[in-house]
């Protein structure tokens, strides 16, 4: 007897085509997922680089400020030392000037 063919029965060729179609859709979905993951990863890398650059910039600003403060303190100490040297020099000169007045 012959086979009865219903509308739900597929030939082997049609099954292969349907399977290939599923494989193509799965590969396409995986490619989209992989692209999304790559974009997500690159965004995380960019964010990390931005945070790193900001941290380095903050560190440089703090170091510059620390250096400026240190230089200002050294300048103040130098000025105090200069004033002290000047006072000592004037004090050493006083007896000579005092002798001239007598």
PDB file of N, CA and C in Angstrom:
ATOM      1  N   UNK A   1       0.796  -1.165   0.000  1.00  0.00           N
ATOM      2  CA  UNK A   1       0.000   0.000   0.000  1.00  0.00           C
ATOM      3  C   UNK A   1       0.852   1.248   0.000  1.00  0.00           C
ATOM      4  N   UNK A   2       0.292   2.298  -0.481  1.00  0.00           N
ATOM      5  CA  UNK A   2       1.029   3.549  -0.510  1.00  0.00           C
ATOM      6  C   UNK A   2       0.974   4.304   0.813  1.00  0.00           C
ATOM      7  N   UNK A   3       1.860   5.215   0.887  1.00  0.00           N
ATOM      8  CA  UNK A   3       1.907   6.038   2.100  1.00  0.00           C
ATOM      9  C   UNK A   3       0.834   7.093   2.073  1.00  0.00           C
ATOM     10  N   UNK A   4       0.330   7.335   3.220  1.00  0.00           N
ATOM     11  CA  UNK A   4      -0.639   8.415   3.319  1.00  0.00           C
ATOM     12  C   UNK A   4       0.137   9.686   3.711  1.00  0.00           C
ATOM     13  N   UNK A   5      -0.055  10.726   3.008  1.00  0.00           N
ATOM     14  CA  UNK A   5       0.675  11.977   3.255  1.00  0.00           C
ATOM     15  C   UNK A   5      -0.300  12.974   3.861  1.00  0.00           C
ATOM     16  N   UNK A   6       0.067  13.428   5.037  1.00  0.00           N
ATOM     17  CA  UNK A   6      -0.763  14.457   5.656  1.00  0.00           C
ATOM     18  C   UNK A   6      -0.024  15.788   5.550  1.00  0.00           C
ATOM     19  N   UNK A   7      -0.674  16.821   5.922  1.00  0.00           N
ATOM     20  CA  UNK A   7      -0.075  18.151   5.800  1.00  0.00           C
ATOM     21  C   UNK A   7       1.028  18.381   6.834  1.00  0.00           C
ATOM     22  N   UNK A   8       1.098  17.577   7.886  1.00  0.00           N
ATOM     23  CA  UNK A   8       2.118  17.761   8.919  1.00  0.00           C
ATOM     24  C   UNK A   8       3.351  16.919   8.659  1.00  0.00           C
ATOM     25  N   UNK A   9       3.333  16.080   7.698  1.00  0.00           N
ATOM     26  CA  UNK A   9       4.477  15.226   7.420  1.00  0.00           C
ATOM     27  C   UNK A   9       5.437  15.968   6.503  1.00  0.00           C
ATOM     28  N   UNK A  10       6.735  15.917   6.863  1.00  0.00           N
ATOM     29  CA  UNK A  10       7.761  16.580   6.063  1.00  0.00           C
ATOM     30  C   UNK A  10       8.678  15.530   5.471  1.00  0.00           C
ATOM     31  N   UNK A  11       9.185  15.819   4.325  1.00  0.00           N
ATOM     32  CA  UNK A  11      10.158  14.917   3.716  1.00  0.00           C
ATOM     33  C   UNK A  11      11.495  15.115   4.400  1.00  0.00           C
ATOM     34  N   UNK A  12      12.404  14.227   4.145  1.00  0.00           N
ATOM     35  CA  UNK A  12      13.740  14.335   4.732  1.00  0.00           C
ATOM     36  C   UNK A  12      14.407  15.625   4.285  1.00  0.00           C
ATOM     37  N   UNK A  13      14.260  15.976   3.030  1.00  0.00           N
ATOM     38  CA  UNK A  13      14.851  17.209   2.514  1.00  0.00           C
ATOM     39  C   UNK A  13      14.301  18.423   3.258  1.00  0.00           C
ATOM     40  N   UNK A  14      13.010  18.459   3.486  1.00  0.00           N
ATOM     41  CA  UNK A  14      12.403  19.574   4.210  1.00  0.00           C
ATOM     42  C   UNK A  14      12.877  19.615   5.661  1.00  0.00           C
ATOM     43  N   UNK A  15      13.092  18.449   6.257  1.00  0.00           N
ATOM     44  CA  UNK A  15      13.614  18.397   7.626  1.00  0.00           C
ATOM     45  C   UNK A  15      15.044  18.937   7.671  1.00  0.00           C
ATOM     46  N   UNK A  16      15.841  18.586   6.681  1.00  0.00           N
ATOM     47  CA  UNK A  16      17.225  19.091   6.624  1.00  0.00           C
ATOM     48  C   UNK A  16      17.215  20.602   6.455  1.00  0.00           C
ATOM     49  N   UNK A  17      16.367  21.098   5.592  1.00  0.00           N
ATOM     50  CA  UNK A  17      16.268  22.547   5.385  1.00  0.00           C
ATOM     51  C   UNK A  17      15.822  23.237   6.677  1.00  0.00           C
ATOM     52  N   UNK A  18      14.853  22.687   7.370  1.00  0.00           N
ATOM     53  CA  UNK A  18      14.376  23.269   8.629  1.00  0.00           C
ATOM     54  C   UNK A  18      15.486  23.256   9.680  1.00  0.00           C
ATOM     55  N   UNK A  19      16.230  22.149   9.741  1.00  0.00           N
ATOM     56  CA  UNK A  19      17.343  22.062  10.694  1.00  0.00           C
ATOM     57  C   UNK A  19      18.421  23.087  10.347  1.00  0.00           C
ATOM     58  N   UNK A  20      18.741  23.200   9.056  1.00  0.00           N
ATOM     59  CA  UNK A  20      19.742  24.185   8.627  1.00  0.00           C
ATOM     60  C   UNK A  20      19.272  25.598   8.962  1.00  0.00           C
ATOM     61  N   UNK A  21      18.007  25.855   8.777  1.00  0.00           N
ATOM     62  CA  UNK A  21      17.450  27.165   9.112  1.00  0.00           C
ATOM     63  C   UNK A  21      17.607  27.443  10.608  1.00  0.00           C
ATOM     64  N   UNK A  22      17.346  26.454  11.435  1.00  0.00           N
ATOM     65  CA  UNK A  22      17.533  26.606  12.892  1.00  0.00           C
ATOM     66  C   UNK A  22      18.992  26.891  13.219  1.00  0.00           C
ATOM     67  N   UNK A  23      19.896  26.164  12.557  1.00  0.00           N
ATOM     68  CA  UNK A  23      21.331  26.368  12.802  1.00  0.00           C
ATOM     69  C   UNK A  23      21.727  27.789  12.418  1.00  0.00           C
ATOM     70  N   UNK A  24      21.247  28.259  11.271  1.00  0.00           N
ATOM     71  CA  UNK A  24      21.565  29.625  10.830  1.00  0.00           C
ATOM     72  C   UNK A  24      21.066  30.637  11.857  1.00  0.00           C
ATOM     73  N   UNK A  25      19.839  30.467  12.350  1.00  0.00           N
ATOM     74  CA  UNK A  25      19.304  31.384  13.348  1.00  0.00           C
ATOM     75  C   UNK A  25      20.101  31.321  14.650  1.00  0.00           C
ATOM     76  N   UNK A  26      20.513  30.135  15.052  1.00  0.00           N
ATOM     77  CA  UNK A  26      21.324  30.008  16.271  1.00  0.00           C
ATOM     78  C   UNK A  26      22.676  30.683  16.105  1.00  0.00           C
ATOM     79  N   UNK A  27      23.308  30.489  14.947  1.00  0.00           N
ATOM     80  CA  UNK A  27      24.607  31.132  14.690  1.00  0.00           C
ATOM     81  C   UNK A  27      24.443  32.648  14.671  1.00  0.00           C
ATOM     82  N   UNK A  28      23.390  33.132  14.034  1.00  0.00           N
ATOM     83  CA  UNK A  28      23.144  34.578  13.991  1.00  0.00           C
ATOM     84  C   UNK A  28      22.895  35.124  15.399  1.00  0.00           C
ATOM     85  N   UNK A  29      22.116  34.402  16.178  1.00  0.00           N
ATOM     86  CA  UNK A  29      21.847  34.838  17.557  1.00  0.00           C
ATOM     87  C   UNK A  29      23.132  34.850  18.376  1.00  0.00           C
ATOM     88  N   UNK A  30      23.962  33.834  18.202  1.00  0.00           N
ATOM     89  CA  UNK A  30      25.233  33.797  18.932  1.00  0.00           C
ATOM     90  C   UNK A  30      26.134  34.945  18.496  1.00  0.00           C
ATOM     91  N   UNK A  31      26.160  35.238  17.192  1.00  0.00           N
ATOM     92  CA  UNK A  31      26.978  36.351  16.698  1.00  0.00           C
ATOM     93  C   UNK A  31      26.515  37.671  17.304  1.00  0.00           C
ATOM     94  N   UNK A  32      25.211  37.872  17.366  1.00  0.00           N
ATOM     95  CA  UNK A  32      24.685  39.092  17.992  1.00  0.00           C
ATOM     96  C   UNK A  32      25.036  39.148  19.475  1.00  0.00           C
ATOM     97  N   UNK A  33      24.908  38.014  20.149  1.00  0.00           N
ATOM     98  CA  UNK A  33      25.250  37.953  21.572  1.00  0.00           C
ATOM     99  C   UNK A  33      26.736  38.236  21.772  1.00  0.00           C
ATOM    100  N   UNK A  34      27.577  37.648  20.918  1.00  0.00           N
ATOM    101  CA  UNK A  34      29.022  37.873  21.033  1.00  0.00           C
ATOM    102  C   UNK A  34      29.355  39.343  20.791  1.00  0.00           C
ATOM    103  N   UNK A  35      28.702  39.968  19.814  1.00  0.00           N
ATOM    104  CA  UNK A  35      28.937  41.387  19.542  1.00  0.00           C
ATOM    105  C   UNK A  35      28.500  42.225  20.739  1.00  0.00           C
ATOM    106  N   UNK A  36      27.350  41.897  21.325  1.00  0.00           N
ATOM    107  CA  UNK A  36      26.871  42.624  22.498  1.00  0.00           C
ATOM    108  C   UNK A  36      27.852  42.480  23.663  1.00  0.00           C
ATOM    109  N   UNK A  37      28.342  41.249  23.873  1.00  0.00           N
ATOM    110  CA  UNK A  37      29.311  41.017  24.952  1.00  0.00           C
ATOM    111  C   UNK A  37      30.593  41.810  24.704  1.00  0.00           C
ATOM    112  N   UNK A  38      31.044  41.855  23.453  1.00  0.00           N
ATOM    113  CA  UNK A  38      32.262  42.598  23.127  1.00  0.00           C
ATOM    114  C   UNK A  38      32.065  44.087  23.385  1.00  0.00           C
ATOM    115  N   UNK A  39      30.920  44.630  22.969  1.00  0.00           N
ATOM    116  CA  UNK A  39      30.644  46.049  23.223  1.00  0.00           C
ATOM    117  C   UNK A  39      30.582  46.327  24.715  1.00  0.00           C
ATOM    118  N   UNK A  40      29.962  45.428  25.452  1.00  0.00           N
ATOM    119  CA  UNK A  40      29.872  45.580  26.907  1.00  0.00           C
ATOM    120  C   UNK A  40      31.272  45.564  27.521  1.00  0.00           C
ATOM    121  N   UNK A  41      32.108  44.625  27.078  1.00  0.00           N
ATOM    122  CA  UNK A  41      33.472  44.526  27.593  1.00  0.00           C
ATOM    123  C   UNK A  41      34.268  45.786  27.258  1.00  0.00           C
ATOM    124  N   UNK A  42      34.162  46.252  26.002  1.00  0.00           N
ATOM    125  CA  UNK A  42      34.895  47.449  25.603  1.00  0.00           C
ATOM    126  C   UNK A  42      34.420  48.676  26.379  1.00  0.00           C
ATOM    127  N   UNK A  43      33.129  48.744  26.673  1.00  0.00           N
ATOM    128  CA  UNK A  43      32.612  49.850  27.484  1.00  0.00           C
ATOM    129  C   UNK A  43      33.184  49.787  28.898  1.00  0.00           C
ATOM    130  N   UNK A  44      33.280  48.583  29.456  1.00  0.00           N
ATOM    131  CA  UNK A  44      33.870  48.427  30.790  1.00  0.00           C
ATOM    132  C   UNK A  44      35.343  48.813  30.773  1.00  0.00           C
ATOM    133  N   UNK A  45      36.054  48.428  29.716  1.00  0.00           N
ATOM    134  CA  UNK A  45      37.470  48.788  29.593  1.00  0.00           C
ATOM    135  C   UNK A  45      37.612  50.300  29.491  1.00  0.00           C
ATOM    136  N   UNK A  46      36.777  50.940  28.664  1.00  0.00           N
ATOM    137  CA  UNK A  46      36.824  52.397  28.533  1.00  0.00           C
ATOM    138  C   UNK A  46      36.536  53.080  29.865  1.00  0.00           C
ATOM    139  N   UNK A  47      35.554  52.573  30.596  1.00  0.00           N
ATOM    140  CA  UNK A  47      35.224  53.157  31.901  1.00  0.00           C
ATOM    141  C   UNK A  47      36.389  52.993  32.874  1.00  0.00           C
ATOM    142  N   UNK A  48      37.015  51.828  32.856  1.00  0.00           N
ATOM    143  CA  UNK A  48      38.162  51.594  33.741  1.00  0.00           C
ATOM    144  C   UNK A  48      39.321  52.515  33.368  1.00  0.00           C
ATOM    145  N   UNK A  49      39.557  52.699  32.076  1.00  0.00           N
ATOM    146  CA  UNK A  49      40.622  53.602  31.647  1.00  0.00           C
ATOM    147  C   UNK A  49      40.310  55.035  32.051  1.00  0.00           C
ATOM    148  N   UNK A  50      39.057  55.430  31.945  1.00  0.00           N
ATOM    149  CA  UNK A  50      38.665  56.784  32.350  1.00  0.00           C
ATOM    150  C   UNK A  50      38.862  56.975  33.853  1.00  0.00           C
ATOM    151  N   UNK A  51      38.467  55.957  34.641  1.00  0.00           N
ATOM    152  CA  UNK A  51      38.683  56.045  36.096  1.00  0.00           C
ATOM    153  C   UNK A  51      40.170  56.117  36.410  1.00  0.00           C
ATOM    154  N   UNK A  52      40.974  55.330  35.702  1.00  0.00           N
ATOM    155  CA  UNK A  52      42.421  55.326  35.920  1.00  0.00           C
ATOM    156  C   UNK A  52      43.007  56.693  35.579  1.00  0.00           C
ATOM    157  N   UNK A  53      42.607  57.253  34.440  1.00  0.00           N
ATOM    158  CA  UNK A  53      43.111  58.563  34.031  1.00  0.00           C
ATOM    159  C   UNK A  53      42.706  59.638  35.038  1.00  0.00           C
ATOM    160  N   UNK A  54      41.476  59.571  35.538  1.00  0.00           N
ATOM    161  CA  UNK A  54      41.021  60.545  36.532  1.00  0.00           C
ATOM    162  C   UNK A  54      41.814  60.405  37.829  1.00  0.00           C
ATOM    163  N   UNK A  55      42.096  59.180  38.224  1.00  0.00           N
ATOM    164  CA  UNK A  55      42.880  58.955  39.445  1.00  0.00           C
ATOM    165  C   UNK A  55      44.297  59.492  39.275  1.00  0.00           C
ATOM    166  N   UNK A  56      44.890  59.265  38.120  1.00  0.00           N
ATOM    167  CA  UNK A  56      46.241  59.776  37.855  1.00  0.00           C
ATOM    168  C   UNK A  56      46.223  61.301  37.862  1.00  0.00           C
ATOM    169  N   UNK A  57      45.208  61.897  37.256  1.00  0.00           N
ATOM    170  CA  UNK A  57      45.098  63.356  37.224  1.00  0.00           C
ATOM    171  C   UNK A  57      44.950  63.915  38.640  1.00  0.00           C
ATOM    172  N   UNK A  58      44.095  63.271  39.467  1.00  0.00           N
ATOM    173  CA  UNK A  58      43.952  63.716  40.861  1.00  0.00           C
ATOM    174  C   UNK A  58      45.281  63.594  41.602  1.00  0.00           C
ATOM    175  N   UNK A  59      45.993  62.483  41.365  1.00  0.00           N
ATOM    176  CA  UNK A  59      47.284  62.293  42.026  1.00  0.00           C
ATOM    177  C   UNK A  59      48.266  63.376  41.599  1.00  0.00           C
ATOM    178  N   UNK A  60      48.288  63.698  40.309  1.00  0.00           N
ATOM    179  CA  UNK A  60      49.197  64.732  39.823  1.00  0.00           C
ATOM    180  C   UNK A  60      48.861  66.090  40.417  1.00  0.00           C
ATOM    181  N   UNK A  61      47.560  66.385  40.513  1.00  0.00           N
ATOM    182  CA  UNK A  61      47.154  67.662  41.106  1.00  0.00           C
ATOM    183  C   UNK A  61      47.585  67.723  42.569  1.00  0.00           C
ATOM    184  N   UNK A  62      47.364  66.632  43.305  1.00  0.00           N
ATOM    185  CA  UNK A  62      47.775  66.607  44.712  1.00  0.00           C
ATOM    186  C   UNK A  62      49.286  66.735  44.851  1.00  0.00           C
ATOM    187  N   UNK A  63      50.028  66.062  43.969  1.00  0.00           N
ATOM    188  CA  UNK A  63      51.487  66.155  44.032  1.00  0.00           C
ATOM    189  C   UNK A  63      51.955  67.571  43.705  1.00  0.00           C
ATOM    190  N   UNK A  64      51.323  68.205  42.713  1.00  0.00           N
ATOM    191  CA  UNK A  64      51.683  69.583  42.380  1.00  0.00           C
ATOM    192  C   UNK A  64      51.385  70.506  43.549  1.00  0.00           C
ATOM    193  N   UNK A  65      50.223  70.304  44.168  1.00  0.00           N
ATOM    194  CA  UNK A  65      49.872  71.150  45.306  1.00  0.00           C
ATOM    195  C   UNK A  65      50.833  70.913  46.468  1.00  0.00           C
ATOM    196  N   UNK A  66      51.164  69.647  46.703  1.00  0.00           N
ATOM    197  CA  UNK A  66      52.111  69.336  47.771  1.00  0.00           C
ATOM    198  C   UNK A  66      53.466  69.984  47.472  1.00  0.00           C
ATOM    199  N   UNK A  67      53.889  69.911  46.220  1.00  0.00           N
ATOM    200  CA  UNK A  67      55.160  70.515  45.835  1.00  0.00           C
ATOM    201  C   UNK A  67      55.098  72.025  46.011  1.00  0.00           C
ATOM    202  N   UNK A  68      53.973  72.637  45.594  1.00  0.00           N
ATOM    203  CA  UNK A  68      53.821  74.079  45.760  1.00  0.00           C
ATOM    204  C   UNK A  68      53.881  74.475  47.231  1.00  0.00           C
ATOM    205  N   UNK A  69      53.169  73.705  48.072  1.00  0.00           N
ATOM    206  CA  UNK A  69      53.190  74.010  49.510  1.00  0.00           C
ATOM    207  C   UNK A  69      54.597  73.843  50.074  1.00  0.00           C
ATOM    208  N   UNK A  70      55.282  72.780  49.646  1.00  0.00           N
ATOM    209  CA  UNK A  70      56.640  72.541  50.130  1.00  0.00           C
ATOM    210  C   UNK A  70      57.564  73.680  49.698  1.00  0.00           C
ATOM    211  N   UNK A  71      57.429  74.115  48.446  1.00  0.00           N
ATOM    212  CA  UNK A  71      58.251  75.226  47.972  1.00  0.00           C
ATOM    213  C   UNK A  71      57.937  76.510  48.732  1.00  0.00           C
ATOM    214  N   UNK A  72      56.665  76.742  49.034  1.00  0.00           N
ATOM    215  CA  UNK A  72      56.288  77.934  49.796  1.00  0.00           C
ATOM    216  C   UNK A  72      56.889  77.877  51.201  1.00  0.00           C
ATOM    217  N   UNK A  73      56.837  76.704  51.827  1.00  0.00           N
ATOM    218  CA  UNK A  73      57.445  76.566  53.156  1.00  0.00           C
ATOM    219  C   UNK A  73      58.948  76.784  53.095  1.00  0.00           C
ATOM    220  N   UNK A  74      59.589  76.225  52.089  1.00  0.00           N
ATOM    221  CA  UNK A  74      61.030  76.424  51.941  1.00  0.00           C
ATOM    222  C   UNK A  74      61.354  77.892  51.708  1.00  0.00           C
ATOM    223  N   UNK A  75      60.508  78.572  50.925  1.00  0.00           N
ATOM    224  CA  UNK A  75      60.698  80.002  50.678  1.00  0.00           C
ATOM    225  C   UNK A  75      60.568  80.788  51.979  1.00  0.00           C
ATOM    226  N   UNK A  76      59.555  80.449  52.797  1.00  0.00           N
ATOM    227  CA  UNK A  76      59.389  81.128  54.082  1.00  0.00           C
ATOM    228  C   UNK A  76      60.589  80.877  54.988  1.00  0.00           C
ATOM    229  N   UNK A  77      61.055  79.635  55.041  1.00  0.00           N
ATOM    230  CA  UNK A  77      62.220  79.321  55.865  1.00  0.00           C
ATOM    231  C   UNK A  77      63.446  80.081  55.373  1.00  0.00           C
ATOM    232  N   UNK A  78      63.605  80.177  54.069  1.00  0.00           N
ATOM    233  CA  UNK A  78      64.741  80.904  53.509  1.00  0.00           C
ATOM    234  C   UNK A  78      64.669  82.380  53.887  1.00  0.00           C
ATOM    235  N   UNK A  79      63.453  82.957  53.786  1.00  0.00           N
ATOM    236  CA  UNK A  79      63.292  84.367  54.151  1.00  0.00           C
ATOM    237  C   UNK A  79      63.587  84.585  55.629  1.00  0.00           C
ATOM    238  N   UNK A  80      63.132  83.671  56.487  1.00  0.00           N
ATOM    239  CA  UNK A  80      63.432  83.787  57.921  1.00  0.00           C
ATOM    240  C   UNK A  80      64.933  83.690  58.161  1.00  0.00           C
ATOM    241  N   UNK A  81      65.585  82.759  57.484  1.00  0.00           N
ATOM    242  CA  UNK A  81      67.037  82.625  57.628  1.00  0.00           C
ATOM    243  C   UNK A  81      67.749  83.884  57.153  1.00  0.00           C
ATOM    244  N   UNK A  82      67.272  84.467  56.057  1.00  0.00           N
ATOM    245  CA  UNK A  82      67.868  85.706  55.551  1.00  0.00           C
ATOM    246  C   UNK A  82      67.705  86.833  56.564  1.00  0.00           C
ATOM    247  N   UNK A  83      66.511  86.948  57.141  1.00  0.00           N
ATOM    248  CA  UNK A  83      66.279  87.984  58.151  1.00  0.00           C
ATOM    249  C   UNK A  83      67.192  87.775  59.357  1.00  0.00           C
ATOM    250  N   UNK A  84      67.338  86.526  59.774  1.00  0.00           N
ATOM    251  CA  UNK A  84      68.204  86.220  60.908  1.00  0.00           C
ATOM    252  C   UNK A  84      69.655  86.553  60.586  1.00  0.00           C
ATOM    253  N   UNK A  85      70.125  86.195  59.400  1.00  0.00           N
ATOM    254  CA  UNK A  85      71.499  86.532  59.000  1.00  0.00           C
ATOM    255  C   UNK A  85      71.700  88.041  58.971  1.00  0.00           C
ATOM    256  N   UNK A  86      70.687  88.747  58.456  1.00  0.00           N
ATOM    257  CA  UNK A  86      70.785  90.198  58.382  1.00  0.00           C
ATOM    258  C   UNK A  86      70.855  90.799  59.783  1.00  0.00           C
ATOM    259  N   UNK A  87      70.008  90.280  60.708  1.00  0.00           N
ATOM    260  CA  UNK A  87      70.037  90.767  62.087  1.00  0.00           C
ATOM    261  C   UNK A  87      71.391  90.497  62.731  1.00  0.00           C
ATOM    262  N   UNK A  88      71.917  89.293  62.535  1.00  0.00           N
ATOM    263  CA  UNK A  88      73.214  88.955  63.119  1.00  0.00           C
ATOM    264  C   UNK A  88      74.320  89.822  62.529  1.00  0.00           C
ATOM    265  N   UNK A  89      74.245  90.054  61.246  1.00  0.00           N
ATOM    266  CA  UNK A  89      75.262  90.882  60.605  1.00  0.00           C
ATOM    267  C   UNK A  89      75.199  92.311  61.136  1.00  0.00           C
ATOM    268  N   UNK A  90      73.957  92.838  61.292  1.00  0.00           N
ATOM    269  CA  UNK A  90      73.802  94.187  61.838  1.00  0.00           C
ATOM    270  C   UNK A  90      74.248  94.240  63.292  1.00  0.00           C
ATOM    271  N   UNK A  91      73.989  93.181  64.044  1.00  0.00           N
ATOM    272  CA  UNK A  91      74.403  93.129  65.441  1.00  0.00           C
ATOM    273  C   UNK A  91      75.927  93.105  65.541  1.00  0.00           C
ATOM    274  N   UNK A  92      76.567  92.398  64.625  1.00  0.00           N
ATOM    275  CA  UNK A  92      78.032  92.364  64.626  1.00  0.00           C
ATOM    276  C   UNK A  92      78.601  93.725  64.258  1.00  0.00           C
ATOM    277  N   UNK A  93      77.919  94.469  63.440  1.00  0.00           N
ATOM    278  CA  UNK A  93      78.396  95.785  63.018  1.00  0.00           C
ATOM    279  C   UNK A  93      78.190  96.841  64.095  1.00  0.00           C
ATOM    280  N   UNK A  94      77.226  96.642  64.996  1.00  0.00           N
ATOM    281  CA  UNK A  94      76.910  97.666  65.988  1.00  0.00           C
ATOM    282  C   UNK A  94      78.108  98.075  66.838  1.00  0.00           C
ATOM    283  N   UNK A  95      78.860  97.138  67.371  1.00  0.00           N
ATOM    284  CA  UNK A  95      79.984  97.603  68.189  1.00  0.00           C
ATOM    285  C   UNK A  95      80.956  98.478  67.408  1.00  0.00           C
ATOM    286  N   UNK A  96      81.207  98.172  66.153  1.00  0.00           N
ATOM    287  CA  UNK A  96      82.103  99.010  65.359  1.00  0.00           C
ATOM    288  C   UNK A  96      81.508 100.398  65.177  1.00  0.00           C
ATOM    289  N   UNK A  97      80.223 100.466  64.874  1.00  0.00           N
ATOM    290  CA  UNK A  97      79.561 101.760  64.712  1.00  0.00           C
ATOM    291  C   UNK A  97      79.520 102.506  66.040  1.00  0.00           C
ATOM    292  N   UNK A  98      79.299 101.785  67.122  1.00  0.00           N
ATOM    293  CA  UNK A  98      79.250 102.421  68.442  1.00  0.00           C
ATOM    294  C   UNK A  98      80.609 103.002  68.800  1.00  0.00           C
ATOM    295  N   UNK A  99      81.696 102.329  68.434  1.00  0.00           N
ATOM    296  CA  UNK A  99      83.032 102.851  68.709  1.00  0.00           C
ATOM    297  C   UNK A  99      83.272 104.140  67.934  1.00  0.00           C
ATOM    298  N   UNK A 100      82.749 104.215  66.734  1.00  0.00           N
ATOM    299  CA  UNK A 100      82.932 105.424  65.934  1.00  0.00           C
ATOM    300  C   UNK A 100      82.201 106.615  66.558  1.00  0.00           C
ATOM    301  N   UNK A 101      81.085 106.352  67.219  1.00  0.00           N
ATOM    302  CA  UNK A 101      80.337 107.432  67.830  1.00  0.00           C
ATOM    303  C   UNK A 101      81.060 108.004  69.048  1.00  0.00           C
ATOM    304  N   UNK A 102      81.876 107.259  69.725  1.00  0.00           N
ATOM    305  CA  UNK A 102      82.539 107.744  70.934  1.00  0.00           C
ATOM    306  C   UNK A 102      83.663 108.578  70.525  1.00  0.00           C
TER     307      UNK A 102
END
